[in-house]
Each structure stands twice: as structure tokens, then as C-alpha cells.
Amino acid sequence: MGLAESFRALADPQRRDMLLLLRQGCCTAGKLSERLEISPSALSYHLKTLKKADMVTEYKEKNFVYYELNTSLFDEMMLWFQQFSGEEKV
């Protein structure tokens, strides 16, 4: 996905809160739902949006699905933002 999809995903405050929690490390959907105090269906919707934007990845371990940040996408976004820092690149 492109940057436009990523910015759309960041527009929602609950998704930003999810990303901040995942910044601390991988987490199951149950833990995310509990910490954010949102319903499992709302969490599922937000996770789907973040996965579509390639901001979050998932992996399965035994009976659990874990979610974590896709840090390479955030690195790409930071490079894009640096264009506006006013610093000249040589």
C-alpha cells in the first residue's frame, strides 16, 4: 500500500492508540481490546484497516494471533516527512 492508505489509517485516534500500544511490543487481540477498552468487533475493524495499510502484521503461535508494528513502513514514512524539515540534502 501507499502512503495515502497509511495516512487514512492514522486519521482515527483509536488506531493511533493501538499503534502506540504495539510500539511496546507484540500483543494479542484480546490484550489490545482489554487495554483500549473497545469491543472485539471494533478492534477487528481497526486491525483490518491497519493491516490493509501495511502498518501492522500478524503471526500465529499455537492458539494465539499476535499483532506487531511493521517498522519498515514507519521508516519509509519518516523518510517522506524529512523532505519537509527544511534541511538541505547534499
PDB file of N, CA and C in Angstrom:
ATOM      1  N   MET A   1       0.827  -1.186   0.000  1.00  0.00           N
ATOM      2  CA  MET A   1       0.000   0.000   0.000  1.00  0.00           C
ATOM      3  C   MET A   1       0.868   1.246   0.000  1.00  0.00           C
ATOM      4  N   GLY A   2       0.274   2.318  -0.420  1.00  0.00           N
ATOM      5  CA  GLY A   2       1.000   3.570  -0.488  1.00  0.00           C
ATOM      6  C   GLY A   2       0.840   4.408   0.760  1.00  0.00           C
ATOM      7  N   LEU A   3       1.478   5.549   0.719  1.00  0.00           N
ATOM      8  CA  LEU A   3       1.422   6.461   1.859  1.00  0.00           C
ATOM      9  C   LEU A   3       0.006   6.981   2.116  1.00  0.00           C
ATOM     10  N   ALA A   4      -0.784   7.159   1.054  1.00  0.00           N
ATOM     11  CA  ALA A   4      -2.143   7.676   1.223  1.00  0.00           C
ATOM     12  C   ALA A   4      -2.966   6.755   2.121  1.00  0.00           C
ATOM     13  N   GLU A   5      -2.855   5.449   1.908  1.00  0.00           N
ATOM     14  CA  GLU A   5      -3.578   4.479   2.742  1.00  0.00           C
ATOM     15  C   GLU A   5      -3.087   4.544   4.191  1.00  0.00           C
ATOM     16  N   SER A   6      -1.803   4.746   4.361  1.00  0.00           N
ATOM     17  CA  SER A   6      -1.238   4.855   5.710  1.00  0.00           C
ATOM     18  C   SER A   6      -1.772   6.090   6.427  1.00  0.00           C
ATOM     19  N   PHE A   7      -1.842   7.205   5.749  1.00  0.00           N
ATOM     20  CA  PHE A   7      -2.349   8.424   6.373  1.00  0.00           C
ATOM     21  C   PHE A   7      -3.828   8.290   6.713  1.00  0.00           C
ATOM     22  N   ARG A   8      -4.604   7.614   5.856  1.00  0.00           N
ATOM     23  CA  ARG A   8      -6.012   7.375   6.165  1.00  0.00           C
ATOM     24  C   ARG A   8      -6.139   6.537   7.442  1.00  0.00           C
ATOM     25  N   ALA A   9      -5.281   5.537   7.581  1.00  0.00           N
ATOM     26  CA  ALA A   9      -5.322   4.674   8.763  1.00  0.00           C
ATOM     27  C   ALA A   9      -4.975   5.471  10.019  1.00  0.00           C
ATOM     28  N   LEU A  10      -4.077   6.428   9.903  1.00  0.00           N
ATOM     29  CA  LEU A  10      -3.666   7.240  11.047  1.00  0.00           C
ATOM     30  C   LEU A  10      -4.703   8.288  11.448  1.00  0.00           C
ATOM     31  N   ALA A  11      -5.696   8.505  10.616  1.00  0.00           N
ATOM     32  CA  ALA A  11      -6.688   9.549  10.883  1.00  0.00           C
ATOM     33  C   ALA A  11      -7.537   9.243  12.115  1.00  0.00           C
ATOM     34  N   ASP A  12      -7.674   7.988  12.478  1.00  0.00           N
ATOM     35  CA  ASP A  12      -8.529   7.611  13.600  1.00  0.00           C
ATOM     36  C   ASP A  12      -7.735   7.555  14.910  1.00  0.00           C
ATOM     37  N   PRO A  13      -8.202   8.239  15.959  1.00  0.00           N
ATOM     38  CA  PRO A  13      -7.464   8.253  17.221  1.00  0.00           C
ATOM     39  C   PRO A  13      -7.334   6.872  17.873  1.00  0.00           C
ATOM     40  N   GLN A  14      -8.325   6.011  17.724  1.00  0.00           N
ATOM     41  CA  GLN A  14      -8.215   4.666  18.311  1.00  0.00           C
ATOM     42  C   GLN A  14      -7.124   3.857  17.628  1.00  0.00           C
ATOM     43  N   ARG A  15      -6.992   4.021  16.325  1.00  0.00           N
ATOM     44  CA  ARG A  15      -5.921   3.307  15.617  1.00  0.00           C
ATOM     45  C   ARG A  15      -4.555   3.847  16.033  1.00  0.00           C
ATOM     46  N   ARG A  16      -4.461   5.148  16.249  1.00  0.00           N
ATOM     47  CA  ARG A  16      -3.192   5.709  16.734  1.00  0.00           C
ATOM     48  C   ARG A  16      -2.862   5.162  18.115  1.00  0.00           C
ATOM     49  N   ASP A  17      -3.881   5.026  18.971  1.00  0.00           N
ATOM     50  CA  ASP A  17      -3.663   4.440  20.296  1.00  0.00           C
ATOM     51  C   ASP A  17      -3.204   2.986  20.173  1.00  0.00           C
ATOM     52  N   MET A  18      -3.775   2.251  19.242  1.00  0.00           N
ATOM     53  CA  MET A  18      -3.366   0.859  19.022  1.00  0.00           C
ATOM     54  C   MET A  18      -1.902   0.796  18.612  1.00  0.00           C
ATOM     55  N   LEU A  19      -1.506   1.685  17.728  1.00  0.00           N
ATOM     56  CA  LEU A  19      -0.114   1.703  17.270  1.00  0.00           C
ATOM     57  C   LEU A  19       0.842   2.021  18.418  1.00  0.00           C
ATOM     58  N   LEU A  20       0.436   2.926  19.289  1.00  0.00           N
ATOM     59  CA  LEU A  20       1.279   3.257  20.445  1.00  0.00           C
ATOM     60  C   LEU A  20       1.424   2.060  21.383  1.00  0.00           C
ATOM     61  N   LEU A  21       0.347   1.306  21.570  1.00  0.00           N
ATOM     62  CA  LEU A  21       0.442   0.096  22.391  1.00  0.00           C
ATOM     63  C   LEU A  21       1.351  -0.937  21.735  1.00  0.00           C
ATOM     64  N   LEU A  22       1.210  -1.095  20.435  1.00  0.00           N
ATOM     65  CA  LEU A  22       2.033  -2.078  19.725  1.00  0.00           C
ATOM     66  C   LEU A  22       3.493  -1.646  19.661  1.00  0.00           C
ATOM     67  N   ARG A  23       3.738  -0.390  19.849  1.00  0.00           N
ATOM     68  CA  ARG A  23       5.118   0.105  19.890  1.00  0.00           C
ATOM     69  C   ARG A  23       5.880  -0.531  21.048  1.00  0.00           C
ATOM     70  N   GLN A  24       5.157  -0.897  22.087  1.00  0.00           N
ATOM     71  CA  GLN A  24       5.757  -1.526  23.261  1.00  0.00           C
ATOM     72  C   GLN A  24       6.086  -3.001  23.016  1.00  0.00           C
ATOM     73  N   GLY A  25       5.555  -3.565  21.951  1.00  0.00           N
ATOM     74  CA  GLY A  25       5.808  -4.962  21.632  1.00  0.00           C
ATOM     75  C   GLY A  25       4.560  -5.636  21.096  1.00  0.00           C
ATOM     76  N   CYS A  26       4.725  -6.851  20.608  1.00  0.00           N
ATOM     77  CA  CYS A  26       3.600  -7.568  20.018  1.00  0.00           C
ATOM     78  C   CYS A  26       2.549  -7.857  21.082  1.00  0.00           C
ATOM     79  N   CYS A  27       1.315  -8.062  20.617  1.00  0.00           N
ATOM     80  CA  CYS A  27       0.192  -8.210  21.534  1.00  0.00           C
ATOM     81  C   CYS A  27      -0.917  -9.009  20.855  1.00  0.00           C
ATOM     82  N   THR A  28      -1.687  -9.727  21.653  1.00  0.00           N
ATOM     83  CA  THR A  28      -2.840 -10.441  21.109  1.00  0.00           C
ATOM     84  C   THR A  28      -4.019  -9.485  20.981  1.00  0.00           C
ATOM     85  N   ALA A  29      -5.006  -9.892  20.196  1.00  0.00           N
ATOM     86  CA  ALA A  29      -6.207  -9.075  20.030  1.00  0.00           C
ATOM     87  C   ALA A  29      -6.932  -8.898  21.363  1.00  0.00           C
ATOM     88  N   GLY A  30      -6.973  -9.950  22.163  1.00  0.00           N
ATOM     89  CA  GLY A  30      -7.643  -9.866  23.453  1.00  0.00           C
ATOM     90  C   GLY A  30      -7.021  -8.821  24.360  1.00  0.00           C
ATOM     91  N   LYS A  31      -5.689  -8.807  24.408  1.00  0.00           N
ATOM     92  CA  LYS A  31      -4.994  -7.813  25.235  1.00  0.00           C
ATOM     93  C   LYS A  31      -5.214  -6.401  24.706  1.00  0.00           C
ATOM     94  N   LEU A  32      -5.172  -6.249  23.374  1.00  0.00           N
ATOM     95  CA  LEU A  32      -5.414  -4.927  22.791  1.00  0.00           C
ATOM     96  C   LEU A  32      -6.816  -4.439  23.132  1.00  0.00           C
ATOM     97  N   SER A  33      -7.800  -5.315  22.979  1.00  0.00           N
ATOM     98  CA  SER A  33      -9.182  -4.962  23.274  1.00  0.00           C
ATOM     99  C   SER A  33      -9.343  -4.560  24.731  1.00  0.00           C
ATOM    100  N   GLU A  34      -8.703  -5.304  25.611  1.00  0.00           N
ATOM    101  CA  GLU A  34      -8.772  -5.019  27.044  1.00  0.00           C
ATOM    102  C   GLU A  34      -8.114  -3.682  27.377  1.00  0.00           C
ATOM    103  N   ARG A  35      -6.931  -3.453  26.853  1.00  0.00           N
ATOM    104  CA  ARG A  35      -6.197  -2.217  27.169  1.00  0.00           C
ATOM    105  C   ARG A  35      -6.860  -0.977  26.589  1.00  0.00           C
ATOM    106  N   LEU A  36      -7.466  -1.124  25.410  1.00  0.00           N
ATOM    107  CA  LEU A  36      -8.111   0.023  24.765  1.00  0.00           C
ATOM    108  C   LEU A  36      -9.568   0.183  25.170  1.00  0.00           C
ATOM    109  N   GLU A  37     -10.085  -0.829  25.872  1.00  0.00           N
ATOM    110  CA  GLU A  37     -11.477  -0.826  26.311  1.00  0.00           C
ATOM    111  C   GLU A  37     -12.442  -0.641  25.138  1.00  0.00           C
ATOM    112  N   ILE A  38     -12.229  -1.448  24.092  1.00  0.00           N
ATOM    113  CA  ILE A  38     -13.142  -1.443  22.945  1.00  0.00           C
ATOM    114  C   ILE A  38     -13.622  -2.871  22.692  1.00  0.00           C
ATOM    115  N   SER A  39     -14.723  -2.980  22.008  1.00  0.00           N
ATOM    116  CA  SER A  39     -15.302  -4.297  21.735  1.00  0.00           C
ATOM    117  C   SER A  39     -14.429  -5.072  20.749  1.00  0.00           C
ATOM    118  N   PRO A  40     -14.507  -6.390  20.794  1.00  0.00           N
ATOM    119  CA  PRO A  40     -13.741  -7.192  19.838  1.00  0.00           C
ATOM    120  C   PRO A  40     -14.077  -6.869  18.378  1.00  0.00           C
ATOM    121  N   SER A  41     -15.348  -6.569  18.097  1.00  0.00           N
ATOM    122  CA  SER A  41     -15.714  -6.253  16.708  1.00  0.00           C
ATOM    123  C   SER A  41     -15.102  -4.924  16.261  1.00  0.00           C
ATOM    124  N   ALA A  42     -15.073  -3.938  17.153  1.00  0.00           N
ATOM    125  CA  ALA A  42     -14.447  -2.653  16.815  1.00  0.00           C
ATOM    126  C   ALA A  42     -12.946  -2.849  16.624  1.00  0.00           C
ATOM    127  N   LEU A  43     -12.336  -3.639  17.492  1.00  0.00           N
ATOM    128  CA  LEU A  43     -10.910  -3.916  17.373  1.00  0.00           C
ATOM    129  C   LEU A  43     -10.608  -4.600  16.045  1.00  0.00           C
ATOM    130  N   SER A  44     -11.438  -5.566  15.687  1.00  0.00           N
ATOM    131  CA  SER A  44     -11.247  -6.292  14.433  1.00  0.00           C
ATOM    132  C   SER A  44     -11.281  -5.342  13.240  1.00  0.00           C
ATOM    133  N   TYR A  45     -12.228  -4.411  13.252  1.00  0.00           N
ATOM    134  CA  TYR A  45     -12.333  -3.418  12.172  1.00  0.00           C
ATOM    135  C   TYR A  45     -11.051  -2.578  12.082  1.00  0.00           C
ATOM    136  N   HIS A  46     -10.579  -2.100  13.227  1.00  0.00           N
ATOM    137  CA  HIS A  46      -9.385  -1.262  13.226  1.00  0.00           C
ATOM    138  C   HIS A  46      -8.139  -2.044  12.828  1.00  0.00           C
ATOM    139  N   LEU A  47      -8.032  -3.283  13.296  1.00  0.00           N
ATOM    140  CA  LEU A  47      -6.886  -4.113  12.907  1.00  0.00           C
ATOM    141  C   LEU A  47      -6.895  -4.382  11.406  1.00  0.00           C
ATOM    142  N   LYS A  48      -8.066  -4.623  10.857  1.00  0.00           N
ATOM    143  CA  LYS A  48      -8.182  -4.851   9.410  1.00  0.00           C
ATOM    144  C   LYS A  48      -7.697  -3.625   8.638  1.00  0.00           C
ATOM    145  N   THR A  49      -8.080  -2.447   9.100  1.00  0.00           N
ATOM    146  CA  THR A  49      -7.653  -1.207   8.453  1.00  0.00           C
ATOM    147  C   THR A  49      -6.143  -1.029   8.548  1.00  0.00           C
ATOM    148  N   LEU A  50      -5.576  -1.297   9.723  1.00  0.00           N
ATOM    149  CA  LEU A  50      -4.132  -1.152   9.901  1.00  0.00           C
ATOM    150  C   LEU A  50      -3.353  -2.191   9.098  1.00  0.00           C
ATOM    151  N   LYS A  51      -3.882  -3.404   8.989  1.00  0.00           N
ATOM    152  CA  LYS A  51      -3.218  -4.432   8.182  1.00  0.00           C
ATOM    153  C   LYS A  51      -3.289  -4.071   6.702  1.00  0.00           C
ATOM    154  N   LYS A  52      -4.428  -3.541   6.268  1.00  0.00           N
ATOM    155  CA  LYS A  52      -4.579  -3.125   4.865  1.00  0.00           C
ATOM    156  C   LYS A  52      -3.588  -2.012   4.525  1.00  0.00           C
ATOM    157  N   ALA A  53      -3.326  -1.133   5.494  1.00  0.00           N
ATOM    158  CA  ALA A  53      -2.365  -0.043   5.297  1.00  0.00           C
ATOM    159  C   ALA A  53      -0.932  -0.530   5.490  1.00  0.00           C
ATOM    160  N   ASP A  54      -0.757  -1.801   5.802  1.00  0.00           N
ATOM    161  CA  ASP A  54       0.550  -2.427   5.999  1.00  0.00           C
ATOM    162  C   ASP A  54       1.288  -1.855   7.210  1.00  0.00           C
ATOM    163  N   MET A  55       0.542  -1.335   8.176  1.00  0.00           N
ATOM    164  CA  MET A  55       1.142  -0.769   9.377  1.00  0.00           C
ATOM    165  C   MET A  55       1.309  -1.811  10.473  1.00  0.00           C
ATOM    166  N   VAL A  56       0.525  -2.877  10.389  1.00  0.00           N
ATOM    167  CA  VAL A  56       0.533  -3.932  11.395  1.00  0.00           C
ATOM    168  C   VAL A  56       0.633  -5.276  10.683  1.00  0.00           C
ATOM    169  N   THR A  57       1.415  -6.156  11.247  1.00  0.00           N
ATOM    170  CA  THR A  57       1.496  -7.527  10.739  1.00  0.00           C
ATOM    171  C   THR A  57       0.987  -8.464  11.828  1.00  0.00           C
ATOM    172  N   GLU A  58       0.642  -9.671  11.422  1.00  0.00           N
ATOM    173  CA  GLU A  58       0.175 -10.656  12.384  1.00  0.00           C
ATOM    174  C   GLU A  58       0.899 -11.974  12.168  1.00  0.00           C
ATOM    175  N   TYR A  59       1.030 -12.720  13.238  1.00  0.00           N
ATOM    176  CA  TYR A  59       1.574 -14.066  13.130  1.00  0.00           C
ATOM    177  C   TYR A  59       0.901 -14.937  14.186  1.00  0.00           C
ATOM    178  N   LYS A  60       0.829 -16.223  13.880  1.00  0.00           N
ATOM    179  CA  LYS A  60       0.166 -17.157  14.779  1.00  0.00           C
ATOM    180  C   LYS A  60       1.200 -17.977  15.527  1.00  0.00           C
ATOM    181  N   GLU A  61       0.914 -18.173  16.796  1.00  0.00           N
ATOM    182  CA  GLU A  61       1.750 -19.012  17.641  1.00  0.00           C
ATOM    183  C   GLU A  61       0.810 -19.833  18.518  1.00  0.00           C
ATOM    184  N   LYS A  62       0.804 -21.129  18.293  1.00  0.00           N
ATOM    185  CA  LYS A  62      -0.123 -22.044  18.967  1.00  0.00           C
ATOM    186  C   LYS A  62      -1.552 -21.583  18.704  1.00  0.00           C
ATOM    187  N   ASN A  63      -2.323 -21.262  19.743  1.00  0.00           N
ATOM    188  CA  ASN A  63      -3.726 -20.872  19.575  1.00  0.00           C
ATOM    189  C   ASN A  63      -3.935 -19.357  19.557  1.00  0.00           C
ATOM    190  N   PHE A  64      -2.859 -18.599  19.478  1.00  0.00           N
ATOM    191  CA  PHE A  64      -2.972 -17.147  19.570  1.00  0.00           C
ATOM    192  C   PHE A  64      -2.485 -16.477  18.296  1.00  0.00           C
ATOM    193  N   VAL A  65      -3.093 -15.335  17.994  1.00  0.00           N
ATOM    194  CA  VAL A  65      -2.644 -14.482  16.898  1.00  0.00           C
ATOM    195  C   VAL A  65      -2.046 -13.238  17.534  1.00  0.00           C
ATOM    196  N   TYR A  66      -0.823 -12.936  17.166  1.00  0.00           N
ATOM    197  CA  TYR A  66      -0.117 -11.775  17.703  1.00  0.00           C
ATOM    198  C   TYR A  66      -0.024 -10.700  16.622  1.00  0.00           C
ATOM    199  N   TYR A  67      -0.129  -9.460  17.055  1.00  0.00           N
ATOM    200  CA  TYR A  67      -0.029  -8.306  16.166  1.00  0.00           C
ATOM    201  C   TYR A  67       1.188  -7.495  16.569  1.00  0.00           C
ATOM    202  N   GLU A  68       1.871  -6.959  15.553  1.00  0.00           N
ATOM    203  CA  GLU A  68       3.027  -6.112  15.821  1.00  0.00           C
ATOM    204  C   GLU A  68       3.159  -5.060  14.738  1.00  0.00           C
ATOM    205  N   LEU A  69       3.925  -4.016  15.056  1.00  0.00           N
ATOM    206  CA  LEU A  69       4.141  -2.931  14.103  1.00  0.00           C
ATOM    207  C   LEU A  69       5.000  -3.398  12.937  1.00  0.00           C
ATOM    208  N   ASN A  70       4.708  -2.875  11.776  1.00  0.00           N
ATOM    209  CA  ASN A  70       5.566  -3.057  10.616  1.00  0.00           C
ATOM    210  C   ASN A  70       6.503  -1.842  10.597  1.00  0.00           C
ATOM    211  N   THR A  71       7.620  -1.967  11.268  1.00  0.00           N
ATOM    212  CA  THR A  71       8.503  -0.815  11.438  1.00  0.00           C
ATOM    213  C   THR A  71       9.108  -0.327  10.130  1.00  0.00           C
ATOM    214  N   SER A  72       9.234  -1.182   9.136  1.00  0.00           N
ATOM    215  CA  SER A  72       9.805  -0.732   7.865  1.00  0.00           C
ATOM    216  C   SER A  72       8.904   0.312   7.206  1.00  0.00           C
ATOM    217  N   LEU A  73       7.605   0.191   7.366  1.00  0.00           N
ATOM    218  CA  LEU A  73       6.690   1.188   6.811  1.00  0.00           C
ATOM    219  C   LEU A  73       6.878   2.523   7.524  1.00  0.00           C
ATOM    220  N   PHE A  74       7.056   2.487   8.840  1.00  0.00           N
ATOM    221  CA  PHE A  74       7.256   3.734   9.580  1.00  0.00           C
ATOM    222  C   PHE A  74       8.575   4.390   9.204  1.00  0.00           C
ATOM    223  N   ASP A  75       9.585   3.596   8.910  1.00  0.00           N
ATOM    224  CA  ASP A  75      10.856   4.154   8.426  1.00  0.00           C
ATOM    225  C   ASP A  75      10.647   4.884   7.105  1.00  0.00           C
ATOM    226  N   GLU A  76       9.860   4.276   6.221  1.00  0.00           N
ATOM    227  CA  GLU A  76       9.557   4.896   4.924  1.00  0.00           C
ATOM    228  C   GLU A  76       8.798   6.204   5.113  1.00  0.00           C
ATOM    229  N   MET A  77       7.852   6.213   6.038  1.00  0.00           N
ATOM    230  CA  MET A  77       7.083   7.433   6.291  1.00  0.00           C
ATOM    231  C   MET A  77       7.980   8.535   6.858  1.00  0.00           C
ATOM    232  N   MET A  78       8.897   8.162   7.737  1.00  0.00           N
ATOM    233  CA  MET A  78       9.812   9.153   8.313  1.00  0.00           C
ATOM    234  C   MET A  78      10.691   9.774   7.227  1.00  0.00           C
ATOM    235  N   LEU A  79      11.145   8.967   6.296  1.00  0.00           N
ATOM    236  CA  LEU A  79      11.935   9.498   5.180  1.00  0.00           C
ATOM    237  C   LEU A  79      11.111  10.492   4.378  1.00  0.00           C
ATOM    238  N   TRP A  80       9.845  10.174   4.178  1.00  0.00           N
ATOM    239  CA  TRP A  80       8.976  11.078   3.429  1.00  0.00           C
ATOM    240  C   TRP A  80       8.807  12.396   4.185  1.00  0.00           C
ATOM    241  N   PHE A  81       8.596  12.317   5.512  1.00  0.00           N
ATOM    242  CA  PHE A  81       8.425  13.523   6.321  1.00  0.00           C
ATOM    243  C   PHE A  81       9.680  14.380   6.349  1.00  0.00           C
ATOM    244  N   GLN A  82      10.843  13.780   6.281  1.00  0.00           N
ATOM    245  CA  GLN A  82      12.094  14.532   6.341  1.00  0.00           C
ATOM    246  C   GLN A  82      12.241  15.506   5.184  1.00  0.00           C
ATOM    247  N   GLN A  83      11.500  15.288   4.107  1.00  0.00           N
ATOM    248  CA  GLN A  83      11.534  16.221   2.977  1.00  0.00           C
ATOM    249  C   GLN A  83      11.090  17.618   3.399  1.00  0.00           C
ATOM    250  N   PHE A  84      10.320  17.692   4.483  1.00  0.00           N
ATOM    251  CA  PHE A  84       9.738  18.966   4.910  1.00  0.00           C
ATOM    252  C   PHE A  84      10.478  19.579   6.093  1.00  0.00           C
ATOM    253  N   SER A  85      11.614  19.037   6.451  1.00  0.00           N
ATOM    254  CA  SER A  85      12.334  19.517   7.626  1.00  0.00           C
ATOM    255  C   SER A  85      13.081  20.819   7.362  1.00  0.00           C
ATOM    256  N   GLY A  86      13.253  21.180   6.121  1.00  0.00           N
ATOM    257  CA  GLY A  86      13.973  22.405   5.795  1.00  0.00           C
ATOM    258  C   GLY A  86      15.466  22.223   5.677  1.00  0.00           C
ATOM    259  N   GLU A  87      15.943  21.037   5.964  1.00  0.00           N
ATOM    260  CA  GLU A  87      17.375  20.790   5.850  1.00  0.00           C
ATOM    261  C   GLU A  87      17.722  20.409   4.419  1.00  0.00           C
ATOM    262  N   GLU A  88      18.782  20.990   3.931  1.00  0.00           N
ATOM    263  CA  GLU A  88      19.248  20.700   2.574  1.00  0.00           C
ATOM    264  C   GLU A  88      20.003  19.368   2.565  1.00  0.00           C
ATOM    265  N   LYS A  89      19.684  18.548   1.601  1.00  0.00           N
ATOM    266  CA  LYS A  89      20.412  17.275   1.417  1.00  0.00           C
ATOM    267  C   LYS A  89      21.477  17.500   0.369  1.00  0.00           C
ATOM    268  N   VAL A  90      22.677  17.044   0.648  1.00  0.00           N
ATOM    269  CA  VAL A  90      23.789  17.225  -0.284  1.00  0.00           C
ATOM    270  C   VAL A  90      24.087  15.919  -0.956  1.00  0.00           C
TER     271      VAL A  90
END
